[in-house]
Amino acid sequence: MTPIKINHIAVVVDDVQAALGFWHEALGIPLAHVEHNEAEAVDIAFLPLGEGEIELIAPFTADSGVAKYLAKKGAGLHHLCIDVDDIAAALDRLKERGVELINEEPRQRPDGTLYAFVHPKSTGGVLLELYQRP
């Protein structure tokens, strides 16, 4: 497993369109697209910045993990995502070292990207997402 780069920083918000008023309109970060992600029950705005992205994520159901996070902690920084060259090897390595994982096996996005989350209990309080691009 080799960490490659920071892929994105995710910010949880109540409403993606409202949040775009600051991130896109006021700050001027370009908007690539907005995605309705049924698997995670969130809407995501993708704003490319340098080699990475800022993602604005808002839940659209009250029982999703992101909705629970938002209710408990409020809007703000949600997670950091890094690209890895081999997500299966990364997860195996982390398991061998006793790291607590949210996803024991990678999940797949519609574009083929594999992803998994590492629990903040093992990272010093940061929710970490691992990405393997197709």
C-alpha atoms as a PDB file:
ATOM      1  CA  MET A   1       0.000   0.000   0.000  1.00  0.00           C
ATOM      2  CA  THR A   2       1.330   3.373  -0.959  1.00  0.00           C
ATOM      3  CA  PRO A   3      -0.470   6.608  -0.037  1.00  0.00           C
ATOM      4  CA  ILE A   4      -0.360   8.807  -3.141  1.00  0.00           C
ATOM      5  CA  LYS A   5      -1.941  12.187  -2.382  1.00  0.00           C
ATOM      6  CA  ILE A   6      -4.794  13.955  -0.687  1.00  0.00           C
ATOM      7  CA  ASN A   7      -7.811  13.339  -2.885  1.00  0.00           C
ATOM      8  CA  HIS A   8     -10.383  15.510  -1.150  1.00  0.00           C
ATOM      9  CA  ILE A   9     -11.503  17.201   2.007  1.00  0.00           C
ATOM     10  CA  ALA A  10     -15.201  16.742   2.756  1.00  0.00           C
ATOM     11  CA  VAL A  11     -17.321  19.344   4.507  1.00  0.00           C
ATOM     12  CA  VAL A  12     -20.721  18.289   5.837  1.00  0.00           C
ATOM     13  CA  VAL A  13     -23.446  20.888   5.279  1.00  0.00           C
ATOM     14  CA  ASP A  14     -27.197  21.139   5.768  1.00  0.00           C
ATOM     15  CA  ASP A  15     -27.837  22.022   2.135  1.00  0.00           C
ATOM     16  CA  VAL A  16     -25.435  21.686  -0.801  1.00  0.00           C
ATOM     17  CA  GLN A  17     -27.009  24.471  -2.853  1.00  0.00           C
ATOM     18  CA  ALA A  18     -26.873  26.911   0.065  1.00  0.00           C
ATOM     19  CA  ALA A  19     -23.241  25.985   0.809  1.00  0.00           C
ATOM     20  CA  LEU A  20     -22.310  26.603  -2.825  1.00  0.00           C
ATOM     21  CA  GLY A  21     -23.189  30.246  -2.178  1.00  0.00           C
ATOM     22  CA  PHE A  22     -19.938  30.532  -0.231  1.00  0.00           C
ATOM     23  CA  TRP A  23     -17.609  27.904  -1.710  1.00  0.00           C
ATOM     24  CA  HIS A  24     -18.492  28.460  -5.378  1.00  0.00           C
ATOM     25  CA  GLU A  25     -20.098  31.881  -5.672  1.00  0.00           C
ATOM     26  CA  ALA A  26     -18.221  33.945  -3.050  1.00  0.00           C
ATOM     27  CA  LEU A  27     -14.883  32.098  -2.915  1.00  0.00           C
ATOM     28  CA  GLY A  28     -14.841  31.297  -6.631  1.00  0.00           C
ATOM     29  CA  ILE A  29     -13.911  27.613  -6.540  1.00  0.00           C
ATOM     30  CA  PRO A  30     -15.239  26.015  -9.739  1.00  0.00           C
ATOM     31  CA  LEU A  31     -18.103  23.534  -9.457  1.00  0.00           C
ATOM     32  CA  ALA A  32     -17.454  20.323 -11.398  1.00  0.00           C
ATOM     33  CA  HIS A  33     -20.818  18.688 -10.694  1.00  0.00           C
ATOM     34  CA  VAL A  34     -23.336  17.660  -8.041  1.00  0.00           C
ATOM     35  CA  GLU A  35     -24.072  13.975  -7.470  1.00  0.00           C
ATOM     36  CA  HIS A  36     -27.026  12.291  -5.738  1.00  0.00           C
ATOM     37  CA  ASN A  37     -25.448   9.264  -4.006  1.00  0.00           C
ATOM     38  CA  GLU A  38     -28.150   6.757  -3.047  1.00  0.00           C
ATOM     39  CA  ALA A  39     -25.720   4.297  -1.419  1.00  0.00           C
ATOM     40  CA  GLU A  40     -24.549   6.854   1.145  1.00  0.00           C
ATOM     41  CA  ALA A  41     -27.821   8.891   1.168  1.00  0.00           C
ATOM     42  CA  VAL A  42     -26.020  12.162   0.439  1.00  0.00           C
ATOM     43  CA  ASP A  43     -25.849  14.850  -2.186  1.00  0.00           C
ATOM     44  CA  ILE A  44     -22.256  15.783  -3.013  1.00  0.00           C
ATOM     45  CA  ALA A  45     -20.924  18.888  -4.741  1.00  0.00           C
ATOM     46  CA  PHE A  46     -17.451  18.395  -6.221  1.00  0.00           C
ATOM     47  CA  LEU A  47     -15.243  21.498  -6.306  1.00  0.00           C
ATOM     48  CA  PRO A  48     -11.803  20.827  -7.835  1.00  0.00           C
ATOM     49  CA  LEU A  49      -8.966  22.749  -6.240  1.00  0.00           C
ATOM     50  CA  GLY A  50      -5.347  22.145  -7.228  1.00  0.00           C
ATOM     51  CA  GLU A  51      -4.681  18.416  -7.397  1.00  0.00           C
ATOM     52  CA  GLY A  52      -7.586  17.607  -5.057  1.00  0.00           C
ATOM     53  CA  GLU A  53     -11.143  18.602  -4.360  1.00  0.00           C
ATOM     54  CA  ILE A  54     -13.397  20.021  -1.735  1.00  0.00           C
ATOM     55  CA  GLU A  55     -16.574  17.993  -1.409  1.00  0.00           C
ATOM     56  CA  LEU A  56     -19.699  19.449   0.127  1.00  0.00           C
ATOM     57  CA  ILE A  57     -21.880  16.639   1.460  1.00  0.00           C
ATOM     58  CA  ALA A  58     -25.464  16.908   2.689  1.00  0.00           C
ATOM     59  CA  PRO A  59     -27.696  14.045   3.815  1.00  0.00           C
ATOM     60  CA  PHE A  60     -31.083  13.548   2.191  1.00  0.00           C
ATOM     61  CA  THR A  61     -32.410  11.047   4.739  1.00  0.00           C
ATOM     62  CA  ALA A  62     -32.588  11.494   8.503  1.00  0.00           C
ATOM     63  CA  ASP A  63     -31.166   8.040   9.274  1.00  0.00           C
ATOM     64  CA  SER A  64     -27.952   8.107   7.210  1.00  0.00           C
ATOM     65  CA  GLY A  65     -24.539   8.172   8.842  1.00  0.00           C
ATOM     66  CA  VAL A  66     -23.922  11.697   7.585  1.00  0.00           C
ATOM     67  CA  ALA A  67     -27.306  12.867   8.941  1.00  0.00           C
ATOM     68  CA  LYS A  68     -26.431  11.436  12.357  1.00  0.00           C
ATOM     69  CA  TYR A  69     -23.029  13.126  12.219  1.00  0.00           C
ATOM     70  CA  LEU A  70     -24.603  16.448  11.254  1.00  0.00           C
ATOM     71  CA  ALA A  71     -27.171  16.206  14.067  1.00  0.00           C
ATOM     72  CA  LYS A  72     -24.478  15.392  16.626  1.00  0.00           C
ATOM     73  CA  LYS A  73     -21.600  17.646  15.564  1.00  0.00           C
ATOM     74  CA  GLY A  74     -23.122  20.200  13.228  1.00  0.00           C
ATOM     75  CA  ALA A  75     -21.791  21.413   9.910  1.00  0.00           C
ATOM     76  CA  GLY A  76     -18.044  21.499   9.329  1.00  0.00           C
ATOM     77  CA  LEU A  77     -15.090  19.352   8.399  1.00  0.00           C
ATOM     78  CA  HIS A  78     -16.262  15.768   7.950  1.00  0.00           C
ATOM     79  CA  HIS A  79     -13.369  13.716   6.592  1.00  0.00           C
ATOM     80  CA  LEU A  80     -10.048  13.636   4.802  1.00  0.00           C
ATOM     81  CA  CYS A  81      -9.559  11.334   1.829  1.00  0.00           C
ATOM     82  CA  ILE A  82      -6.273  10.024   0.474  1.00  0.00           C
ATOM     83  CA  ASP A  83      -5.600   8.057  -2.691  1.00  0.00           C
ATOM     84  CA  VAL A  84      -3.860   4.709  -2.314  1.00  0.00           C
ATOM     85  CA  ASP A  85      -2.523   2.450  -5.034  1.00  0.00           C
ATOM     86  CA  ASP A  86      -4.045  -0.771  -3.601  1.00  0.00           C
ATOM     87  CA  ILE A  87      -7.002  -0.404  -1.249  1.00  0.00           C
ATOM     88  CA  ALA A  88      -7.210  -4.133  -0.445  1.00  0.00           C
ATOM     89  CA  ALA A  89      -3.560  -4.123   0.648  1.00  0.00           C
ATOM     90  CA  ALA A  90      -4.144  -0.914   2.609  1.00  0.00           C
ATOM     91  CA  LEU A  91      -7.082  -2.410   4.498  1.00  0.00           C
ATOM     92  CA  ASP A  92      -5.155  -5.636   5.174  1.00  0.00           C
ATOM     93  CA  ARG A  93      -2.192  -3.655   6.508  1.00  0.00           C
ATOM     94  CA  LEU A  94      -4.425  -1.567   8.764  1.00  0.00           C
ATOM     95  CA  LYS A  95      -6.266  -4.667  10.069  1.00  0.00           C
ATOM     96  CA  GLU A  96      -2.936  -6.369  10.842  1.00  0.00           C
ATOM     97  CA  ARG A  97      -1.979  -3.355  12.940  1.00  0.00           C
ATOM     98  CA  GLY A  98      -5.224  -3.379  14.900  1.00  0.00           C
ATOM     99  CA  VAL A  99      -6.671  -0.258  13.271  1.00  0.00           C
ATOM    100  CA  GLU A 100     -10.463   0.035  13.625  1.00  0.00           C
ATOM    101  CA  LEU A 101     -12.177   0.199  10.251  1.00  0.00           C
ATOM    102  CA  ILE A 102     -15.683   1.336   9.412  1.00  0.00           C
ATOM    103  CA  ASN A 103     -15.556  -0.620   6.147  1.00  0.00           C
ATOM    104  CA  GLU A 104     -13.801  -3.994   6.360  1.00  0.00           C
ATOM    105  CA  GLU A 105     -14.142  -4.353   2.580  1.00  0.00           C
ATOM    106  CA  PRO A 106     -14.059  -1.557   0.001  1.00  0.00           C
ATOM    107  CA  ARG A 107     -17.266  -0.193  -1.469  1.00  0.00           C
ATOM    108  CA  GLN A 108     -17.541   0.964  -5.083  1.00  0.00           C
ATOM    109  CA  ARG A 109     -18.674   4.322  -6.468  1.00  0.00           C
ATOM    110  CA  PRO A 110     -20.541   4.478  -9.798  1.00  0.00           C
ATOM    111  CA  ASP A 111     -17.316   5.607 -11.548  1.00  0.00           C
ATOM    112  CA  GLY A 112     -15.493   2.464 -10.361  1.00  0.00           C
ATOM    113  CA  THR A 113     -13.562   4.138  -7.539  1.00  0.00           C
ATOM    114  CA  LEU A 114     -13.114   1.840  -4.542  1.00  0.00           C
ATOM    115  CA  TYR A 115     -13.370   3.447  -1.108  1.00  0.00           C
ATOM    116  CA  ALA A 116     -13.363   2.579   2.588  1.00  0.00           C
ATOM    117  CA  PHE A 117     -13.432   4.538   5.831  1.00  0.00           C
ATOM    118  CA  VAL A 118     -11.077   4.256   8.811  1.00  0.00           C
ATOM    119  CA  HIS A 119     -12.632   4.944  12.217  1.00  0.00           C
ATOM    120  CA  PRO A 120     -11.577   8.197  13.938  1.00  0.00           C
ATOM    121  CA  LYS A 121     -10.790   6.213  17.116  1.00  0.00           C
ATOM    122  CA  SER A 122      -7.707   4.888  15.352  1.00  0.00           C
ATOM    123  CA  THR A 123      -6.563   8.067  13.603  1.00  0.00           C
ATOM    124  CA  GLY A 124      -6.429  10.598  16.409  1.00  0.00           C
ATOM    125  CA  GLY A 125      -9.947  11.871  15.798  1.00  0.00           C
ATOM    126  CA  VAL A 126      -9.994  12.244  11.994  1.00  0.00           C
ATOM    127  CA  LEU A 127     -12.445  10.284   9.865  1.00  0.00           C
ATOM    128  CA  LEU A 128     -10.204   9.019   7.051  1.00  0.00           C
ATOM    129  CA  GLU A 129     -11.377   7.765   3.673  1.00  0.00           C
ATOM    130  CA  LEU A 130      -9.163   5.719   1.371  1.00  0.00           C
ATOM    131  CA  TYR A 131      -9.694   5.885  -2.411  1.00  0.00           C
ATOM    132  CA  GLN A 132      -8.400   3.642  -5.172  1.00  0.00           C
ATOM    133  CA  ARG A 133      -9.147   5.132  -8.587  1.00  0.00           C
ATOM    134  CA  PRO A 134      -9.909   2.779 -11.492  1.00  0.00           C
END
